[in-house]
Amino acid sequence: MHRLKDAEEKVVGYKQALKAIERGRAQLVFLADNAPENLRVSILEMCQNRGVAIVEVASMTDLGKACGIQVDASVAAILNPHHHNS
C-alpha cells in the first residue's frame, strides 16, 4: 500500500475508481475486503474485463488511512499519469 501513499495521481471512492477503470486510466486498484459485496463484485468484474490488477486490502479503515483520508474507503485506484484524455 506504500505505492498508494506515494502515487502522484489517485482516486478514492467507488464512483471515481469505477470511472477511472472504465476510461482506461486505472493502473492498479485497491479493494477493501469488507467493502459492500455489490461494490466489490462490480469493481472485480470491471477490473477483470479491463485487465486491471487488484490489490486486496484488509479493511476500509486501512484503505482510508493509506489514502491519507480520515474516513473509510471501499476502493481506490492509482492512475496512469501518461494517459491523457482527448
Protein backbone atom coordinates (compact mmCIF):
# COMPACT_ATOMS: atom_id res chain seq x y z
CA MET A 1 0.00 0.00 0.00
CA HIS A 2 3.06 2.23 0.02
CA ARG A 3 2.55 2.64 -3.72
CA LEU A 4 -0.87 4.12 -2.99
CA LYS A 5 0.52 6.62 -0.48
CA ASP A 6 3.26 7.72 -2.87
CA ALA A 7 1.16 7.80 -6.05
CA GLU A 8 1.20 11.09 -7.94
CA GLU A 9 -2.34 10.58 -9.20
CA LYS A 10 -5.01 8.55 -7.46
CA VAL A 11 -8.74 8.48 -6.92
CA VAL A 12 -10.56 7.38 -3.80
CA GLY A 13 -14.10 6.05 -3.65
CA TYR A 14 -16.28 3.74 -5.67
CA LYS A 15 -17.64 6.20 -8.26
CA GLN A 16 -14.27 7.80 -9.01
CA ALA A 17 -12.48 4.46 -9.21
CA LEU A 18 -15.15 3.00 -11.49
CA LYS A 19 -14.85 5.98 -13.85
CA ALA A 20 -11.06 5.60 -13.91
CA ILE A 21 -11.34 1.89 -14.73
CA GLU A 22 -13.94 2.50 -17.45
CA ARG A 23 -11.80 5.23 -19.03
CA GLY A 24 -8.64 3.11 -19.00
CA ARG A 25 -6.90 5.39 -16.52
CA ALA A 26 -6.64 2.96 -13.60
CA GLN A 27 -3.23 1.35 -13.32
CA LEU A 28 -3.80 -0.53 -10.05
CA VAL A 29 -6.93 -0.86 -7.92
CA PHE A 30 -7.06 -1.36 -4.15
CA LEU A 31 -10.24 -3.01 -2.86
CA ALA A 32 -11.20 -3.42 0.80
CA ASP A 33 -12.22 -6.93 1.86
CA ASN A 34 -15.05 -5.55 3.97
CA ALA A 35 -16.48 -3.24 1.31
CA PRO A 36 -20.15 -3.87 0.48
CA GLU A 37 -20.45 -7.01 -1.64
CA ASN A 38 -22.26 -5.30 -4.53
CA LEU A 39 -19.40 -2.76 -4.84
CA ARG A 40 -16.78 -5.48 -4.64
CA VAL A 41 -18.46 -7.55 -7.36
CA SER A 42 -18.79 -4.65 -9.80
CA ILE A 43 -15.20 -3.48 -9.25
CA LEU A 44 -13.81 -7.03 -9.53
CA GLU A 45 -15.74 -7.66 -12.77
CA MET A 46 -14.75 -4.32 -14.30
CA CYS A 47 -11.08 -4.84 -13.43
CA GLN A 48 -11.14 -8.37 -14.82
CA ASN A 49 -12.75 -7.18 -18.07
CA ARG A 50 -10.25 -4.32 -18.42
CA GLY A 51 -7.14 -6.25 -17.31
CA VAL A 52 -6.50 -4.03 -14.29
CA ALA A 53 -4.64 -5.57 -11.34
CA ILE A 54 -6.33 -5.59 -7.95
CA VAL A 55 -4.75 -5.46 -4.51
CA GLU A 56 -6.98 -6.75 -1.71
CA VAL A 57 -6.79 -4.65 1.47
CA ALA A 58 -7.84 -5.94 4.90
CA SER A 59 -10.34 -3.20 5.72
CA MET A 60 -11.94 0.01 4.56
CA THR A 61 -10.31 1.76 7.54
CA ASP A 62 -6.83 0.61 6.45
CA LEU A 63 -7.51 1.73 2.89
CA GLY A 64 -8.72 5.14 4.03
CA LYS A 65 -5.58 5.63 6.11
CA ALA A 66 -3.38 4.56 3.19
CA CYS A 67 -5.12 7.20 1.06
CA GLY A 68 -4.41 9.84 3.68
CA ILE A 69 -8.07 10.47 4.49
CA GLN A 70 -9.85 10.43 7.84
CA VAL A 71 -12.73 8.22 6.71
CA ASP A 72 -13.07 4.65 5.47
CA ALA A 73 -12.63 3.91 1.77
CA SER A 74 -14.01 0.89 -0.08
CA VAL A 75 -11.86 1.29 -3.18
CA ALA A 76 -9.01 3.42 -4.51
CA ALA A 77 -7.04 3.44 -7.74
CA ILE A 78 -3.62 4.61 -8.83
CA LEU A 79 -3.95 6.37 -12.14
CA ASN A 80 -1.68 6.07 -15.12
CA PRO A 81 -0.02 9.51 -15.34
CA HIS A 82 0.88 9.02 -19.01
CA HIS A 83 -2.73 8.65 -20.18
CA HIS A 84 -4.33 11.84 -21.43
CA ASN A 85 -7.99 12.20 -22.33
CA SER A 86 -8.58 13.54 -25.81
